[in-house]
Each structure stands twice: as C-alpha cells, then as structure tokens.
C-alpha cells in the first residue's frame, strides 16, 4: 500500500509539472513580475507618451498589480494619495468627488498623468521623477538644492531616503525586466 501511494504521488508530481509546462513555463516569473490590465496600461501610457513597460514597473513596485492595495497614505494600483489625486483632477477639470482610486482604470489614468507630469517637470530625468513619485516633490526639491545629493541641481546622484532610493532601483530593475521579457510580444 505504501509503495502504491509513492507511485501515485510521483505520477501526480509529473502531471503537475506537465500541466505547468502546458499552461506556462514562466509561471514563477509571472508571480515575481506580474502583468495585468495591459489594455489600460497601453491606452494611458500612449495618451501620456510614456513607455508602457515603465508604467508596468511602477505598478509592480507600487502594488504588485493588486487593484485594492492600500498603504495607509495611498491606494490603488499606482498608489496615489487623495491629495495627489485631487490635484490631478483639478488640473484636468475632473470632479474628484466621484473618483475611486481602487478602480484600475482610474488609478492607471491618474497615475500615468502624474508620472508624465513629473517626468516633464524634471526635464525627462526619469530617476528624479520616480524619486518624486515616491518621496514627494518637496523632498526632491530639497535634495536637488543640496550638493550632497545633486551636483548640478537637476540630477540626483544620491537619494538620502533609503525607501525612495530602493524604490527607484526596484522600478528600474522591473522596467528593464518588462522591456526585455515583453517587448517582442
């Protein structure tokens, strides 16, 4: 009886492995770097002239593609604060009272707009824009004015907040991964 159970378990393991190959050999990769809401990402990345893989990387880093993610201060796929969302809505003449940041389309729409605003504000410097997305524009302004963090007042050569520094690195790593993995599809 014990030998029969071992054989059945081995057969089951082989079947699971075969199913894994048939369903997608990269399942582990997709867990580490998920992708969802591609149509929405492509739509709002294009509207804001953003690289869709950068948007994927921001969403992955912010929420791991969990639409109802909530950090305490920010919420949704792109983890916007109420204050930031209100500011975006006022710039776009949108009634903020009807906004649901947990709605994937709303989060991606507003998040892409804000990311594009930051990239433009920092003259195309994506790392500085990402630092502001995570650490706030006020903090970035202070860092750019401090020669310990910026030699030219336009580019950060160091980020004093470990969380923000790690955030910029994670987004860049994920961005490179998404570009390499999905750019041919």
Protein backbone atom coordinates (compact mmCIF):
# COMPACT_ATOMS: atom_id res chain seq x y z
CA UNK A 1 0.00 0.00 0.00
CA UNK A 2 2.80 2.46 0.89
CA UNK A 3 4.56 1.75 -2.41
CA UNK A 4 1.34 2.43 -4.33
CA UNK A 5 0.93 5.81 -2.63
CA UNK A 6 4.52 6.75 -3.51
CA UNK A 7 3.96 5.81 -7.15
CA UNK A 8 0.70 7.77 -7.24
CA UNK A 9 2.44 10.80 -5.70
CA UNK A 10 5.22 10.57 -8.29
CA UNK A 11 2.69 10.35 -11.13
CA UNK A 12 0.81 13.32 -9.66
CA UNK A 13 4.04 15.35 -9.47
CA UNK A 14 4.81 14.56 -13.12
CA UNK A 15 1.27 15.54 -14.14
CA UNK A 16 1.55 18.82 -12.27
CA UNK A 17 4.87 19.53 -13.97
CA UNK A 18 3.39 18.76 -17.40
CA UNK A 19 0.40 21.00 -16.72
CA UNK A 20 2.77 23.72 -15.59
CA UNK A 21 4.65 23.48 -18.86
CA UNK A 22 1.46 23.47 -20.90
CA UNK A 23 -0.13 26.36 -19.01
CA UNK A 24 3.01 28.44 -18.99
CA UNK A 25 6.54 27.52 -18.17
CA UNK A 26 7.13 31.03 -16.88
CA UNK A 27 4.55 30.88 -14.08
CA UNK A 28 7.21 31.61 -11.46
CA UNK A 29 8.39 34.58 -13.49
CA UNK A 30 4.83 35.88 -13.70
CA UNK A 31 4.46 35.70 -9.94
CA UNK A 32 7.64 37.75 -9.42
CA UNK A 33 6.77 40.18 -12.23
CA UNK A 34 3.02 40.03 -12.80
CA UNK A 35 1.29 41.72 -15.68
CA UNK A 36 -2.37 42.71 -15.76
CA UNK A 37 -4.53 45.50 -17.14
CA UNK A 38 -2.36 45.61 -20.27
CA UNK A 39 -5.07 47.30 -22.38
CA UNK A 40 -5.46 50.08 -19.81
CA UNK A 41 -1.70 50.47 -19.40
CA UNK A 42 -1.20 50.69 -23.15
CA UNK A 43 -4.05 53.20 -23.51
CA UNK A 44 -2.96 55.60 -20.77
CA UNK A 45 0.77 55.17 -21.41
CA UNK A 46 0.17 56.15 -25.04
CA UNK A 47 -2.06 59.10 -24.08
CA UNK A 48 0.70 60.39 -21.83
CA UNK A 49 3.62 59.46 -24.11
CA UNK A 50 5.04 57.03 -21.56
CA UNK A 51 6.81 53.73 -22.06
CA UNK A 52 4.22 51.09 -21.15
CA UNK A 53 6.94 48.98 -19.56
CA UNK A 54 7.82 51.85 -17.24
CA UNK A 55 4.15 52.06 -16.21
CA UNK A 56 4.12 48.29 -15.60
CA UNK A 57 7.24 48.66 -13.45
CA UNK A 58 5.71 51.45 -11.38
CA UNK A 59 2.52 49.43 -10.84
CA UNK A 60 4.53 46.31 -9.96
CA UNK A 61 6.61 48.26 -7.45
CA UNK A 62 3.68 50.21 -6.02
CA UNK A 63 1.04 47.50 -5.70
CA UNK A 64 2.15 44.26 -7.40
CA UNK A 65 -0.91 44.72 -9.63
CA UNK A 66 -3.31 44.43 -6.68
CA UNK A 67 -6.06 46.94 -7.51
CA UNK A 68 -7.25 47.49 -3.96
CA UNK A 69 -3.77 47.85 -2.46
CA UNK A 70 -3.68 50.41 0.32
CA UNK A 71 -0.59 51.67 2.10
CA UNK A 72 -2.28 53.87 4.65
CA UNK A 73 -1.44 57.05 2.75
CA UNK A 74 -2.01 55.94 -0.82
CA UNK A 75 -4.23 53.48 -2.61
CA UNK A 76 -4.91 51.67 -5.86
CA UNK A 77 -2.66 50.13 -8.48
CA UNK A 78 -0.49 53.23 -8.78
CA UNK A 79 -0.74 54.15 -5.08
CA UNK A 80 -1.91 57.74 -5.33
CA UNK A 81 -2.71 59.78 -2.26
CA UNK A 82 -6.05 61.58 -2.06
CA UNK A 83 -4.16 64.88 -2.14
CA UNK A 84 -2.32 63.97 -5.35
CA UNK A 85 -5.48 62.62 -6.98
CA UNK A 86 -7.35 65.83 -6.07
CA UNK A 87 -4.53 67.91 -7.57
CA UNK A 88 -4.58 65.86 -10.80
CA UNK A 89 -8.37 66.14 -11.02
CA UNK A 90 -8.23 69.91 -10.54
CA UNK A 91 -5.65 70.21 -13.36
CA UNK A 92 -7.81 68.07 -15.65
CA UNK A 93 -11.14 69.63 -14.66
CA UNK A 94 -12.47 66.31 -13.32
CA UNK A 95 -14.92 66.13 -10.42
CA UNK A 96 -12.91 64.47 -7.66
CA UNK A 97 -15.98 63.52 -5.64
CA UNK A 98 -16.72 60.62 -7.98
CA UNK A 99 -13.18 59.25 -8.09
CA UNK A 100 -12.45 55.71 -6.89
CA UNK A 101 -8.70 55.17 -6.65
CA UNK A 102 -9.26 51.43 -6.24
CA UNK A 103 -10.72 51.28 -9.75
CA UNK A 104 -7.89 50.05 -12.01
CA UNK A 105 -8.75 52.35 -14.91
CA UNK A 106 -8.97 55.42 -12.69
CA UNK A 107 -5.70 54.59 -10.94
CA UNK A 108 -3.83 53.96 -14.19
CA UNK A 109 -5.32 57.05 -15.85
CA UNK A 110 -4.42 59.40 -12.99
CA UNK A 111 -1.13 57.66 -12.22
CA UNK A 112 0.08 57.91 -15.82
CA UNK A 113 -0.88 61.57 -15.95
CA UNK A 114 1.06 62.24 -12.75
CA UNK A 115 4.09 60.23 -13.85
CA UNK A 116 4.20 62.15 -17.15
CA UNK A 117 3.85 65.44 -15.26
CA UNK A 118 6.82 64.54 -13.06
CA UNK A 119 8.98 63.41 -15.99
CA UNK A 120 8.25 66.68 -17.79
CA UNK A 121 8.80 68.71 -14.61
CA UNK A 122 12.25 67.15 -14.18
CA UNK A 123 13.17 67.65 -17.86
CA UNK A 124 12.93 63.98 -18.78
CA UNK A 125 15.01 62.71 -15.86
CA UNK A 126 13.10 59.56 -15.03
CA UNK A 127 15.05 58.69 -11.88
CA UNK A 128 14.32 62.12 -10.41
CA UNK A 129 10.67 61.79 -11.43
CA UNK A 130 10.49 58.36 -9.78
CA UNK A 131 12.08 59.75 -6.62
CA UNK A 132 9.39 62.45 -6.57
CA UNK A 133 6.63 59.90 -7.26
CA UNK A 134 7.71 58.00 -4.16
CA UNK A 135 9.27 60.60 -1.89
CA UNK A 136 7.37 63.73 -2.88
CA UNK A 137 8.29 66.76 -4.94
CA UNK A 138 9.09 68.80 -1.85
CA UNK A 139 11.74 66.36 -0.70
CA UNK A 140 13.21 66.13 -4.20
CA UNK A 141 13.40 69.93 -4.42
CA UNK A 142 15.40 69.95 -1.19
CA UNK A 143 17.71 67.21 -2.41
CA UNK A 144 18.34 68.98 -5.70
CA UNK A 145 19.31 72.12 -3.77
CA UNK A 146 21.75 70.16 -1.58
CA UNK A 147 25.18 69.47 -3.08
CA UNK A 148 25.40 66.28 -1.01
CA UNK A 149 22.71 64.81 -3.28
CA UNK A 150 22.93 66.81 -6.51
CA UNK A 151 25.99 68.37 -8.09
CA UNK A 152 24.05 70.33 -10.70
CA UNK A 153 20.68 71.00 -9.07
CA UNK A 154 18.96 68.95 -11.78
CA UNK A 155 20.12 65.36 -11.28
CA UNK A 156 20.21 63.34 -8.09
CA UNK A 157 23.46 61.45 -7.60
CA UNK A 158 22.26 60.18 -4.23
CA UNK A 159 18.89 59.84 -2.54
CA UNK A 160 19.01 60.19 1.25
CA UNK A 161 15.75 58.29 1.95
CA UNK A 162 16.57 54.55 1.83
CA UNK A 163 12.96 53.73 0.91
CA UNK A 164 12.96 56.15 -2.03
CA UNK A 165 16.42 55.08 -3.17
CA UNK A 166 15.28 51.45 -3.10
CA UNK A 167 12.07 52.38 -4.88
CA UNK A 168 13.92 53.97 -7.80
CA UNK A 169 16.19 50.92 -8.06
CA UNK A 170 13.22 48.49 -7.96
CA UNK A 171 11.30 50.38 -10.63
CA UNK A 172 14.36 50.50 -12.88
CA UNK A 173 15.04 46.78 -12.38
CA UNK A 174 11.41 45.90 -13.14
CA UNK A 175 11.37 48.26 -16.11
CA UNK A 176 14.40 46.50 -17.60
CA UNK A 177 12.79 43.12 -16.94
CA UNK A 178 9.47 44.05 -18.56
CA UNK A 179 11.20 45.56 -21.60
CA UNK A 180 13.42 42.51 -22.06
CA UNK A 181 10.65 39.99 -21.46
CA UNK A 182 7.66 41.51 -23.23
CA UNK A 183 8.93 43.91 -25.89
CA UNK A 184 8.76 41.25 -28.60
CA UNK A 185 5.18 40.24 -27.80
